[in-house]
Amino acid sequence: MRCGTLATFSEADALQAAMRAVGLLTLVTTQKGRFRATVRHVTPDRLRLIAVEESLPRIAFVRVPLDRILVAFTSEKLYCQVWNGMLAHAEHLMVLGPGVSVHARTDGPSRWRAICLPTQEFARYAHALTGGVLKMPEGVSCWHARSAALRELHAIHAEAMRAARITSDSFAALEGGHGLEQQLIHALVECLTDPARKIPVENHRLMASFEELLLTEPNRTWGAAEVSRSLGVSDRLLRRTCRACVGMGPQSFLRLLRLHYVRRALRHSANSPTSVAEAGQQYGFRNLSRLSAAYRALFGELPSHTLRQGRHGALPPLTLPI
């Protein structure tokens, strides 16, 4: 199936819901401002090609589907991301193996690209092109790709986005959807055939367990000490791991998540009637004044304003055919 879509989002949780198919489980902004994200999504055949622009810094938690490999990169030197503590620039490729969980954060506006491809498809092409020299990606790895191979990967990805934006028939100019996928996988294999250019990235299983614990019981008011006990680790280890992955301590991260949970509840209050006080208490905010101050500092509006908008029904994301 060959298709392309363009969608814009004004809320982080709406973008999270739209990208869940590629493993995005949590997305929270970290600074005050108006959130806006534009996503271009192209599916020439069996691959998913994604191009994203985001207006605010954020923290994302990604768990790659078990039958997929995810490759992420940026083609512009102005933008970078931090993956499990590893700073990735324009000359890097982040490769996430099947089932891998990882935190990715940005410190400002960002533009990034991704390829989500079936594990078996990649394995078949990699074996045919390298005779089995290139092993299947496992865990989290960062590759300092050779410039010619990386430029080719960037160019093919960008051309696919341009072609889809013009008309779906333009895939014929790229030798069809299957031909495009062959070109992309070939370029990707070229980027990953030099083991000396592979940079180890720590796979922070503790932080993944932390996030998954919170996802299991989103309505529970966790404290940092309680999380440490539940995971069977010391407070010190949890703090160190949390700062490496998300750039802040566990207590600050928990508070950030709870503020986003409150916002989500208020935005969807048309479906489940609530009040600011009820939403705050549900996620551990006992003092309404402190909640309002923290909420306004992060989202730029009072929770009562979000509640009024939510009662009229949250606006759906704008989705247009390319």
C-alpha atoms as a PDB file:
ATOM      1  CA  MET A   1       0.000   0.000   0.000  1.00  0.00           C
ATOM      2  CA  ARG A   2       1.404   3.419  -0.976  1.00  0.00           C
ATOM      3  CA  CYS A   3       0.142   6.394   0.930  1.00  0.00           C
ATOM      4  CA  GLY A   4       1.231   9.636   2.541  1.00  0.00           C
ATOM      5  CA  THR A   5      -0.317  11.791   5.228  1.00  0.00           C
ATOM      6  CA  LEU A   6       0.339  15.160   6.783  1.00  0.00           C
ATOM      7  CA  ALA A   7      -0.879  15.908  10.293  1.00  0.00           C
ATOM      8  CA  THR A   8      -0.441  18.826  12.673  1.00  0.00           C
ATOM      9  CA  PHE A   9      -0.821  18.585  16.444  1.00  0.00           C
ATOM     10  CA  SER A  10      -1.234  21.242  19.109  1.00  0.00           C
ATOM     11  CA  GLU A  11      -0.970  18.852  22.076  1.00  0.00           C
ATOM     12  CA  ALA A  12       1.796  16.446  23.001  1.00  0.00           C
ATOM     13  CA  ASP A  13      -0.593  13.652  23.963  1.00  0.00           C
ATOM     14  CA  ALA A  14      -2.298  13.845  20.554  1.00  0.00           C
ATOM     15  CA  LEU A  15       1.065  13.369  18.839  1.00  0.00           C
ATOM     16  CA  GLN A  16       1.832  10.500  21.199  1.00  0.00           C
ATOM     17  CA  ALA A  17      -1.428   8.747  20.301  1.00  0.00           C
ATOM     18  CA  ALA A  18      -0.804   9.197  16.577  1.00  0.00           C
ATOM     19  CA  MET A  19       2.726   7.745  16.790  1.00  0.00           C
ATOM     20  CA  ARG A  20       1.933   4.802  19.045  1.00  0.00           C
ATOM     21  CA  ALA A  21       2.180   2.381  16.120  1.00  0.00           C
ATOM     22  CA  VAL A  22       5.932   3.019  15.888  1.00  0.00           C
ATOM     23  CA  GLY A  23       6.412   2.608  19.630  1.00  0.00           C
ATOM     24  CA  LEU A  24       5.950   6.103  21.088  1.00  0.00           C
ATOM     25  CA  LEU A  25       4.411   5.474  24.533  1.00  0.00           C
ATOM     26  CA  THR A  26       5.072   8.740  26.398  1.00  0.00           C
ATOM     27  CA  LEU A  27       5.687  12.298  25.204  1.00  0.00           C
ATOM     28  CA  VAL A  28       5.928  15.227  27.626  1.00  0.00           C
ATOM     29  CA  THR A  29       7.068  18.780  26.942  1.00  0.00           C
ATOM     30  CA  THR A  30       9.569  20.273  29.381  1.00  0.00           C
ATOM     31  CA  GLN A  31       9.335  24.048  28.814  1.00  0.00           C
ATOM     32  CA  LYS A  32       6.636  26.680  28.620  1.00  0.00           C
ATOM     33  CA  GLY A  33       5.353  27.589  25.183  1.00  0.00           C
ATOM     34  CA  ARG A  34       2.858  26.719  22.526  1.00  0.00           C
ATOM     35  CA  PHE A  35       3.333  23.142  21.375  1.00  0.00           C
ATOM     36  CA  ARG A  36       3.037  22.451  17.679  1.00  0.00           C
ATOM     37  CA  ALA A  37       4.192  19.398  15.771  1.00  0.00           C
ATOM     38  CA  THR A  38       3.980  18.541  12.098  1.00  0.00           C
ATOM     39  CA  VAL A  39       4.302  14.918  11.025  1.00  0.00           C
ATOM     40  CA  ARG A  40       4.748  13.626   7.500  1.00  0.00           C
ATOM     41  CA  HIS A  41       4.185   9.913   7.211  1.00  0.00           C
ATOM     42  CA  VAL A  42       4.863   7.934   4.044  1.00  0.00           C
ATOM     43  CA  THR A  43       4.269   4.206   3.563  1.00  0.00           C
ATOM     44  CA  PRO A  44       5.605   3.200   0.140  1.00  0.00           C
ATOM     45  CA  ASP A  45       5.167  -0.536   0.727  1.00  0.00           C
ATOM     46  CA  ARG A  46       6.262  -2.210   3.984  1.00  0.00           C
ATOM     47  CA  LEU A  47       8.385   0.548   5.470  1.00  0.00           C
ATOM     48  CA  ARG A  48       7.204   3.586   7.428  1.00  0.00           C
ATOM     49  CA  LEU A  49       9.023   6.827   6.654  1.00  0.00           C
ATOM     50  CA  ILE A  50       8.485   9.670   9.105  1.00  0.00           C
ATOM     51  CA  ALA A  51       9.505  13.325   9.214  1.00  0.00           C
ATOM     52  CA  VAL A  52       8.678  15.330  12.345  1.00  0.00           C
ATOM     53  CA  GLU A  53       9.031  18.979  13.339  1.00  0.00           C
ATOM     54  CA  GLU A  54       8.413  19.948  16.982  1.00  0.00           C
ATOM     55  CA  SER A  55       8.293  23.434  18.473  1.00  0.00           C
ATOM     56  CA  LEU A  56       9.184  22.648  22.112  1.00  0.00           C
ATOM     57  CA  PRO A  57      11.758  20.568  23.977  1.00  0.00           C
ATOM     58  CA  ARG A  58      10.354  17.267  25.166  1.00  0.00           C
ATOM     59  CA  ILE A  59      11.066  13.819  26.576  1.00  0.00           C
ATOM     60  CA  ALA A  60       9.839  10.764  24.691  1.00  0.00           C
ATOM     61  CA  PHE A  61       9.728   7.140  25.801  1.00  0.00           C
ATOM     62  CA  VAL A  62       9.861   4.704  22.885  1.00  0.00           C
ATOM     63  CA  ARG A  63       9.453   0.931  22.910  1.00  0.00           C
ATOM     64  CA  VAL A  64      10.137  -0.535  19.467  1.00  0.00           C
ATOM     65  CA  PRO A  65       7.667  -3.226  18.350  1.00  0.00           C
ATOM     66  CA  LEU A  66       9.116  -6.751  18.539  1.00  0.00           C
ATOM     67  CA  ASP A  67       8.981  -7.249  14.768  1.00  0.00           C
ATOM     68  CA  ARG A  68      10.479  -3.872  13.813  1.00  0.00           C
ATOM     69  CA  ILE A  69      13.737  -1.932  13.736  1.00  0.00           C
ATOM     70  CA  LEU A  70      13.676   1.825  14.205  1.00  0.00           C
ATOM     71  CA  VAL A  71      16.315   4.139  12.717  1.00  0.00           C
ATOM     72  CA  ALA A  72      16.261   7.833  13.671  1.00  0.00           C
ATOM     73  CA  PHE A  73      18.366  10.746  12.478  1.00  0.00           C
ATOM     74  CA  THR A  74      18.387  14.454  11.751  1.00  0.00           C
ATOM     75  CA  SER A  75      19.695  15.958   8.526  1.00  0.00           C
ATOM     76  CA  GLU A  76      20.297  19.432   9.946  1.00  0.00           C
ATOM     77  CA  LYS A  77      23.248  20.474  12.120  1.00  0.00           C
ATOM     78  CA  LEU A  78      21.119  22.842  14.196  1.00  0.00           C
ATOM     79  CA  TYR A  79      19.131  19.991  15.730  1.00  0.00           C
ATOM     80  CA  CYS A  80      20.165  17.087  17.927  1.00  0.00           C
ATOM     81  CA  GLN A  81      18.616  14.596  20.307  1.00  0.00           C
ATOM     82  CA  VAL A  82      19.807  12.807  23.429  1.00  0.00           C
ATOM     83  CA  TRP A  83      19.111   9.072  23.357  1.00  0.00           C
ATOM     84  CA  ASN A  84      19.672   7.348  26.718  1.00  0.00           C
ATOM     85  CA  GLY A  85      22.283   9.995  27.505  1.00  0.00           C
ATOM     86  CA  MET A  86      23.995   9.821  24.078  1.00  0.00           C
ATOM     87  CA  LEU A  87      24.039  13.109  22.160  1.00  0.00           C
ATOM     88  CA  ALA A  88      23.236  12.407  18.492  1.00  0.00           C
ATOM     89  CA  HIS A  89      24.087  15.004  15.832  1.00  0.00           C
ATOM     90  CA  ALA A  90      23.455  15.200  12.084  1.00  0.00           C
ATOM     91  CA  GLU A  91      26.313  12.783  11.311  1.00  0.00           C
ATOM     92  CA  HIS A  92      24.819  10.077  13.531  1.00  0.00           C
ATOM     93  CA  LEU A  93      22.258   7.329  13.058  1.00  0.00           C
ATOM     94  CA  MET A  94      20.414   5.971  16.092  1.00  0.00           C
ATOM     95  CA  VAL A  95      19.505   2.326  15.520  1.00  0.00           C
ATOM     96  CA  LEU A  96      17.050   0.643  17.890  1.00  0.00           C
ATOM     97  CA  GLY A  97      16.646  -3.121  17.742  1.00  0.00           C
ATOM     98  CA  PRO A  98      13.375  -5.051  18.137  1.00  0.00           C
ATOM     99  CA  GLY A  99      11.721  -4.626  21.541  1.00  0.00           C
ATOM    100  CA  VAL A 100      14.189  -1.989  22.735  1.00  0.00           C
ATOM    101  CA  SER A 101      12.982   0.696  25.174  1.00  0.00           C
ATOM    102  CA  VAL A 102      14.708   4.076  25.112  1.00  0.00           C
ATOM    103  CA  HIS A 103      14.283   7.683  26.231  1.00  0.00           C
ATOM    104  CA  ALA A 104      14.901  10.446  23.707  1.00  0.00           C
ATOM    105  CA  ARG A 105      14.921  14.102  24.686  1.00  0.00           C
ATOM    106  CA  THR A 106      15.465  17.435  22.991  1.00  0.00           C
ATOM    107  CA  ASP A 107      16.543  20.755  24.490  1.00  0.00           C
ATOM    108  CA  GLY A 108      14.701  22.975  22.029  1.00  0.00           C
ATOM    109  CA  PRO A 109      12.748  22.920  18.760  1.00  0.00           C
ATOM    110  CA  SER A 110      13.669  19.880  16.690  1.00  0.00           C
ATOM    111  CA  ARG A 111      13.409  18.291  13.288  1.00  0.00           C
ATOM    112  CA  TRP A 112      14.059  14.605  12.954  1.00  0.00           C
ATOM    113  CA  ARG A 113      13.458  11.714  10.596  1.00  0.00           C
ATOM    114  CA  ALA A 114      12.839   8.005  11.114  1.00  0.00           C
ATOM    115  CA  ILE A 115      12.547   4.738   9.243  1.00  0.00           C
ATOM    116  CA  CYS A 116      10.570   1.894  10.788  1.00  0.00           C
ATOM    117  CA  LEU A 117      11.172  -1.370   8.947  1.00  0.00           C
ATOM    118  CA  PRO A 118      10.292  -5.056   9.409  1.00  0.00           C
ATOM    119  CA  THR A 119      13.066  -7.088  11.032  1.00  0.00           C
ATOM    120  CA  GLN A 120      12.844  -9.945   8.536  1.00  0.00           C
ATOM    121  CA  GLU A 121      12.940  -7.587   5.563  1.00  0.00           C
ATOM    122  CA  PHE A 122      16.086  -5.908   6.835  1.00  0.00           C
ATOM    123  CA  ALA A 123      17.723  -9.249   7.657  1.00  0.00           C
ATOM    124  CA  ARG A 124      17.061 -10.578   4.161  1.00  0.00           C
ATOM    125  CA  TYR A 125      18.505  -7.528   2.403  1.00  0.00           C
ATOM    126  CA  ALA A 126      21.447  -7.240   4.786  1.00  0.00           C
ATOM    127  CA  HIS A 127      22.394 -10.882   4.170  1.00  0.00           C
ATOM    128  CA  ALA A 128      22.091 -10.484   0.413  1.00  0.00           C
ATOM    129  CA  LEU A 129      24.228  -7.333   0.365  1.00  0.00           C
ATOM    130  CA  THR A 130      26.911  -8.323   2.880  1.00  0.00           C
ATOM    131  CA  GLY A 131      26.894 -12.118   2.823  1.00  0.00           C
ATOM    132  CA  GLY A 132      25.926 -12.237   6.481  1.00  0.00           C
ATOM    133  CA  VAL A 133      28.684  -9.873   7.650  1.00  0.00           C
ATOM    134  CA  LEU A 134      26.197  -7.331   8.992  1.00  0.00           C
ATOM    135  CA  LYS A 135      24.439  -8.695  12.063  1.00  0.00           C
ATOM    136  CA  MET A 136      20.910  -7.811  13.093  1.00  0.00           C
ATOM    137  CA  PRO A 137      20.751  -4.666  15.250  1.00  0.00           C
ATOM    138  CA  GLU A 138      20.278  -5.349  18.950  1.00  0.00           C
ATOM    139  CA  GLY A 139      19.813  -2.929  21.805  1.00  0.00           C
ATOM    140  CA  VAL A 140      20.575   0.745  21.222  1.00  0.00           C
ATOM    141  CA  SER A 141      23.454   1.817  19.002  1.00  0.00           C
ATOM    142  CA  CYS A 142      24.725   5.079  17.541  1.00  0.00           C
ATOM    143  CA  TRP A 143      26.593   5.002  14.231  1.00  0.00           C
ATOM    144  CA  HIS A 144      28.951   7.676  12.993  1.00  0.00           C
ATOM    145  CA  ALA A 145      28.090   6.946   9.375  1.00  0.00           C
ATOM    146  CA  ARG A 146      30.368   7.498   6.409  1.00  0.00           C
ATOM    147  CA  SER A 147      29.387  10.809   4.845  1.00  0.00           C
ATOM    148  CA  ALA A 148      28.609   9.513   1.337  1.00  0.00           C
ATOM    149  CA  ALA A 149      26.367   6.697   2.585  1.00  0.00           C
ATOM    150  CA  LEU A 150      24.619   8.977   5.071  1.00  0.00           C
ATOM    151  CA  ARG A 151      24.025  11.665   2.440  1.00  0.00           C
ATOM    152  CA  GLU A 152      22.444   9.050   0.198  1.00  0.00           C
ATOM    153  CA  LEU A 153      20.141   7.872   2.999  1.00  0.00           C
ATOM    154  CA  HIS A 154      19.109  11.479   3.750  1.00  0.00           C
ATOM    155  CA  ALA A 155      18.523  12.194   0.055  1.00  0.00           C
ATOM    156  CA  ILE A 156      16.337   9.120  -0.567  1.00  0.00           C
ATOM    157  CA  HIS A 157      14.257   9.797   2.551  1.00  0.00           C
ATOM    158  CA  ALA A 158      13.801  13.464   1.587  1.00  0.00           C
ATOM    159  CA  GLU A 159      12.897  12.573  -1.999  1.00  0.00           C
ATOM    160  CA  ALA A 160      10.235  10.156  -0.765  1.00  0.00           C
ATOM    161  CA  MET A 161       8.703  12.939   1.321  1.00  0.00           C
ATOM    162  CA  ARG A 162       8.750  15.380  -1.606  1.00  0.00           C
ATOM    163  CA  ALA A 163       7.287  12.830  -4.000  1.00  0.00           C
ATOM    164  CA  ALA A 164       4.446  11.971  -1.652  1.00  0.00           C
ATOM    165  CA  ARG A 165       3.720  15.655  -1.091  1.00  0.00           C
ATOM    166  CA  ILE A 166       3.196  16.188  -4.814  1.00  0.00           C
ATOM    167  CA  THR A 167       1.119  13.116  -5.614  1.00  0.00           C
ATOM    168  CA  SER A 168       1.029   9.458  -4.729  1.00  0.00           C
ATOM    169  CA  ASP A 169       1.718   8.715  -8.412  1.00  0.00           C
ATOM    170  CA  SER A 170       5.182  10.192  -7.962  1.00  0.00           C
ATOM    171  CA  PHE A 171       6.307   6.946  -6.353  1.00  0.00           C
ATOM    172  CA  ALA A 172       6.510   5.629  -9.912  1.00  0.00           C
ATOM    173  CA  ALA A 173       9.350   8.075 -10.531  1.00  0.00           C
ATOM    174  CA  LEU A 174      11.223   6.376  -7.665  1.00  0.00           C
ATOM    175  CA  GLU A 175      10.859   2.931  -9.287  1.00  0.00           C
ATOM    176  CA  GLY A 176       7.700   2.266  -7.314  1.00  0.00           C
ATOM    177  CA  GLY A 177       7.180   1.760  -3.629  1.00  0.00           C
ATOM    178  CA  HIS A 178       9.144  -1.497  -3.524  1.00  0.00           C
ATOM    179  CA  GLY A 179      12.020   0.044  -5.455  1.00  0.00           C
ATOM    180  CA  LEU A 180      12.149   2.947  -3.044  1.00  0.00           C
ATOM    181  CA  GLU A 181      12.356   0.568  -0.116  1.00  0.00           C
ATOM    182  CA  GLN A 182      15.212  -1.323  -1.755  1.00  0.00           C
ATOM    183  CA  GLN A 183      17.125   1.934  -2.193  1.00  0.00           C
ATOM    184  CA  LEU A 184      16.550   2.938   1.429  1.00  0.00           C
ATOM    185  CA  ILE A 185      17.581  -0.423   2.878  1.00  0.00           C
ATOM    186  CA  HIS A 186      20.638  -0.536   0.622  1.00  0.00           C
ATOM    187  CA  ALA A 187      21.695   2.937   1.806  1.00  0.00           C
ATOM    188  CA  LEU A 188      21.069   1.952   5.422  1.00  0.00           C
ATOM    189  CA  VAL A 189      23.171  -1.204   5.110  1.00  0.00           C
ATOM    190  CA  GLU A 190      25.971   0.905   3.633  1.00  0.00           C
ATOM    191  CA  CYS A 191      25.837   3.144   6.699  1.00  0.00           C
ATOM    192  CA  LEU A 192      26.098   0.198   9.089  1.00  0.00           C
ATOM    193  CA  THR A 193      28.821  -1.954   7.518  1.00  0.00           C
ATOM    194  CA  ASP A 194      31.818  -0.383   9.296  1.00  0.00           C
ATOM    195  CA  PRO A 195      31.943  -1.743  12.891  1.00  0.00           C
ATOM    196  CA  ALA A 196      34.573   0.858  13.837  1.00  0.00           C
ATOM    197  CA  ARG A 197      31.959   3.565  13.449  1.00  0.00           C
ATOM    198  CA  LYS A 198      29.557   2.020  15.957  1.00  0.00           C
ATOM    199  CA  ILE A 199      29.370   3.991  19.212  1.00  0.00           C
ATOM    200  CA  PRO A 200      28.202   2.061  22.297  1.00  0.00           C
ATOM    201  CA  VAL A 201      25.064   3.447  23.927  1.00  0.00           C
ATOM    202  CA  GLU A 202      24.073   2.214  27.346  1.00  0.00           C
ATOM    203  CA  ASN A 203      20.748   0.430  27.325  1.00  0.00           C
ATOM    204  CA  HIS A 204      19.299   1.818  30.556  1.00  0.00           C
ATOM    205  CA  ARG A 205      16.999  -1.058  31.478  1.00  0.00           C
ATOM    206  CA  LEU A 206      16.420   0.501  34.879  1.00  0.00           C
ATOM    207  CA  MET A 207      14.964   3.662  33.359  1.00  0.00           C
ATOM    208  CA  ALA A 208      12.821   1.599  31.012  1.00  0.00           C
ATOM    209  CA  SER A 209      11.524  -0.355  34.006  1.00  0.00           C
ATOM    210  CA  PHE A 210      10.831   2.947  35.790  1.00  0.00           C
ATOM    211  CA  GLU A 211       8.770   4.245  32.873  1.00  0.00           C
ATOM    212  CA  GLU A 212       6.917   0.970  32.392  1.00  0.00           C
ATOM    213  CA  LEU A 213       6.070   0.910  36.101  1.00  0.00           C
ATOM    214  CA  LEU A 214       4.437   4.314  35.717  1.00  0.00           C
ATOM    215  CA  LEU A 215       2.589   3.250  32.560  1.00  0.00           C
ATOM    216  CA  THR A 216       1.209   0.201  34.397  1.00  0.00           C
ATOM    217  CA  GLU A 217      -0.372   2.337  37.121  1.00  0.00           C
ATOM    218  CA  PRO A 218      -0.779   5.872  35.699  1.00  0.00           C
ATOM    219  CA  ASN A 219      -3.275   6.930  38.391  1.00  0.00           C
ATOM    220  CA  ARG A 220      -1.011   5.971  41.287  1.00  0.00           C
ATOM    221  CA  THR A 221       0.848   8.794  43.025  1.00  0.00           C
ATOM    222  CA  TRP A 222       4.417   7.544  43.071  1.00  0.00           C
ATOM    223  CA  GLY A 223       7.236   8.999  45.138  1.00  0.00           C
ATOM    224  CA  ALA A 224      10.889   8.618  44.134  1.00  0.00           C
ATOM    225  CA  ALA A 225      11.692   6.491  47.202  1.00  0.00           C
ATOM    226  CA  GLU A 226       8.698   4.238  46.497  1.00  0.00           C
ATOM    227  CA  VAL A 227       9.861   3.778  42.894  1.00  0.00           C
ATOM    228  CA  SER A 228      13.350   2.806  44.091  1.00  0.00           C
ATOM    229  CA  ARG A 229      11.903   0.185  46.454  1.00  0.00           C
ATOM    230  CA  SER A 230       9.593  -1.209  43.779  1.00  0.00           C
ATOM    231  CA  LEU A 231      12.489  -1.554  41.324  1.00  0.00           C
ATOM    232  CA  GLY A 232      14.869  -2.929  43.945  1.00  0.00           C
ATOM    233  CA  VAL A 233      17.579  -0.295  43.433  1.00  0.00           C
ATOM    234  CA  SER A 234      19.158   2.431  45.524  1.00  0.00           C
ATOM    235  CA  ASP A 235      17.923   6.027  45.397  1.00  0.00           C
ATOM    236  CA  ARG A 236      21.370   7.080  44.203  1.00  0.00           C
ATOM    237  CA  LEU A 237      21.356   4.710  41.231  1.00  0.00           C
ATOM    238  CA  LEU A 238      17.852   5.790  40.243  1.00  0.00           C
ATOM    239  CA  ARG A 239      18.846   9.476  40.404  1.00  0.00           C
ATOM    240  CA  ARG A 240      21.965   8.922  38.313  1.00  0.00           C
ATOM    241  CA  THR A 241      20.137   6.889  35.668  1.00  0.00           C
ATOM    242  CA  CYS A 242      17.223   9.313  35.520  1.00  0.00           C
ATOM    243  CA  ARG A 243      19.493  12.324  35.011  1.00  0.00           C
ATOM    244  CA  ALA A 244      21.370  10.544  32.219  1.00  0.00           C
ATOM    245  CA  CYS A 245      18.204   9.612  30.346  1.00  0.00           C
ATOM    246  CA  VAL A 246      15.782  12.493  30.894  1.00  0.00           C
ATOM    247  CA  GLY A 247      18.020  15.289  32.154  1.00  0.00           C
ATOM    248  CA  MET A 248      16.436  15.612  35.599  1.00  0.00           C
ATOM    249  CA  GLY A 249      16.050  13.740  38.872  1.00  0.00           C
ATOM    250  CA  PRO A 250      13.252  11.218  39.471  1.00  0.00           C
ATOM    251  CA  GLN A 251      11.214  13.542  41.703  1.00  0.00           C
ATOM    252  CA  SER A 252      11.197  16.292  39.038  1.00  0.00           C
ATOM    253  CA  PHE A 253      10.376  13.743  36.340  1.00  0.00           C
ATOM    254  CA  LEU A 254       7.469  12.345  38.335  1.00  0.00           C
ATOM    255  CA  ARG A 255       6.129  15.860  38.897  1.00  0.00           C
ATOM    256  CA  LEU A 256       6.431  16.634  35.176  1.00  0.00           C
ATOM    257  CA  LEU A 257       4.513  13.493  34.260  1.00  0.00           C
ATOM    258  CA  ARG A 258       1.783  14.228  36.819  1.00  0.00           C
ATOM    259  CA  LEU A 259       1.290  17.729  35.401  1.00  0.00           C
ATOM    260  CA  HIS A 260       0.824  16.236  31.949  1.00  0.00           C
ATOM    261  CA  TYR A 261      -1.605  13.653  33.349  1.00  0.00           C
ATOM    262  CA  VAL A 262      -3.647  16.483  34.879  1.00  0.00           C
ATOM    263  CA  ARG A 263      -3.683  18.314  31.554  1.00  0.00           C
ATOM    264  CA  ARG A 264      -4.853  15.222  29.739  1.00  0.00           C
ATOM    265  CA  ALA A 265      -7.688  14.735  32.249  1.00  0.00           C
ATOM    266  CA  LEU A 266      -8.789  18.360  31.909  1.00  0.00           C
ATOM    267  CA  ARG A 267      -8.625  18.331  28.117  1.00  0.00           C
ATOM    268  CA  HIS A 268     -10.882  15.272  27.990  1.00  0.00           C
ATOM    269  CA  SER A 269     -13.288  16.405  30.698  1.00  0.00           C
ATOM    270  CA  ALA A 270     -16.163  16.350  28.196  1.00  0.00           C
ATOM    271  CA  ASN A 271     -15.985  12.547  28.325  1.00  0.00           C
ATOM    272  CA  SER A 272     -15.492  12.309  32.101  1.00  0.00           C
ATOM    273  CA  PRO A 273     -16.798  15.297  34.076  1.00  0.00           C
ATOM    274  CA  THR A 274     -14.223  16.591  36.555  1.00  0.00           C
ATOM    275  CA  SER A 275     -12.923  19.716  38.252  1.00  0.00           C
ATOM    276  CA  VAL A 276      -9.420  21.131  38.574  1.00  0.00           C
ATOM    277  CA  ALA A 277      -9.309  20.080  42.225  1.00  0.00           C
ATOM    278  CA  GLU A 278     -10.450  16.524  41.419  1.00  0.00           C
ATOM    279  CA  ALA A 279      -7.933  16.142  38.605  1.00  0.00           C
ATOM    280  CA  GLY A 280      -5.158  17.520  40.800  1.00  0.00           C
ATOM    281  CA  GLN A 281      -5.953  15.219  43.715  1.00  0.00           C
ATOM    282  CA  GLN A 282      -6.136  12.236  41.396  1.00  0.00           C
ATOM    283  CA  TYR A 283      -2.488  12.790  40.474  1.00  0.00           C
ATOM    284  CA  GLY A 284      -1.133  13.797  43.854  1.00  0.00           C
ATOM    285  CA  PHE A 285      -1.555  17.606  43.922  1.00  0.00           C
ATOM    286  CA  ARG A 286      -3.137  18.436  47.272  1.00  0.00           C
ATOM    287  CA  ASN A 287      -2.628  22.203  47.118  1.00  0.00           C
ATOM    288  CA  LEU A 288      -4.717  23.825  44.386  1.00  0.00           C
ATOM    289  CA  SER A 289      -2.706  27.073  44.400  1.00  0.00           C
ATOM    290  CA  ARG A 290       0.597  25.248  43.936  1.00  0.00           C
ATOM    291  CA  LEU A 291      -0.914  23.137  41.174  1.00  0.00           C
ATOM    292  CA  SER A 292      -2.155  26.234  39.341  1.00  0.00           C
ATOM    293  CA  ALA A 293       1.238  27.944  39.618  1.00  0.00           C
ATOM    294  CA  ALA A 294       3.183  24.907  38.410  1.00  0.00           C
ATOM    295  CA  TYR A 295       0.652  24.246  35.648  1.00  0.00           C
ATOM    296  CA  ARG A 296       0.812  27.812  34.362  1.00  0.00           C
ATOM    297  CA  ALA A 297       4.628  27.807  34.476  1.00  0.00           C
ATOM    298  CA  LEU A 298       4.730  24.721  32.244  1.00  0.00           C
ATOM    299  CA  PHE A 299       1.749  25.178  29.921  1.00  0.00           C
ATOM    300  CA  GLY A 300       1.306  28.953  29.851  1.00  0.00           C
ATOM    301  CA  GLU A 301      -2.315  28.880  30.985  1.00  0.00           C
ATOM    302  CA  LEU A 302      -4.308  28.142  34.110  1.00  0.00           C
ATOM    303  CA  PRO A 303      -5.812  24.651  34.522  1.00  0.00           C
ATOM    304  CA  SER A 304      -9.275  26.244  34.652  1.00  0.00           C
ATOM    305  CA  HIS A 305      -8.746  27.529  31.101  1.00  0.00           C
ATOM    306  CA  THR A 306      -7.835  24.022  29.887  1.00  0.00           C
ATOM    307  CA  LEU A 307     -10.919  22.656  31.659  1.00  0.00           C
ATOM    308  CA  ARG A 308     -13.222  25.122  29.882  1.00  0.00           C
ATOM    309  CA  GLN A 309     -11.783  24.111  26.527  1.00  0.00           C
ATOM    310  CA  GLY A 310     -12.074  20.417  27.413  1.00  0.00           C
ATOM    311  CA  ARG A 311     -15.765  20.730  28.220  1.00  0.00           C
ATOM    312  CA  HIS A 312     -16.378  21.905  24.659  1.00  0.00           C
ATOM    313  CA  GLY A 313     -14.530  18.863  23.352  1.00  0.00           C
ATOM    314  CA  ALA A 314     -10.854  18.693  22.414  1.00  0.00           C
ATOM    315  CA  LEU A 315     -10.134  19.578  18.808  1.00  0.00           C
ATOM    316  CA  PRO A 316      -8.976  16.611  16.721  1.00  0.00           C
ATOM    317  CA  PRO A 317      -5.602  16.868  14.978  1.00  0.00           C
ATOM    318  CA  LEU A 318      -5.671  18.394  11.514  1.00  0.00           C
ATOM    319  CA  THR A 319      -5.024  15.573   9.107  1.00  0.00           C
ATOM    320  CA  LEU A 320      -4.681  16.153   5.395  1.00  0.00           C
ATOM    321  CA  PRO A 321      -3.782  13.884   2.485  1.00  0.00           C
ATOM    322  CA  ILE A 322      -0.439  14.857   0.985  1.00  0.00           C
END
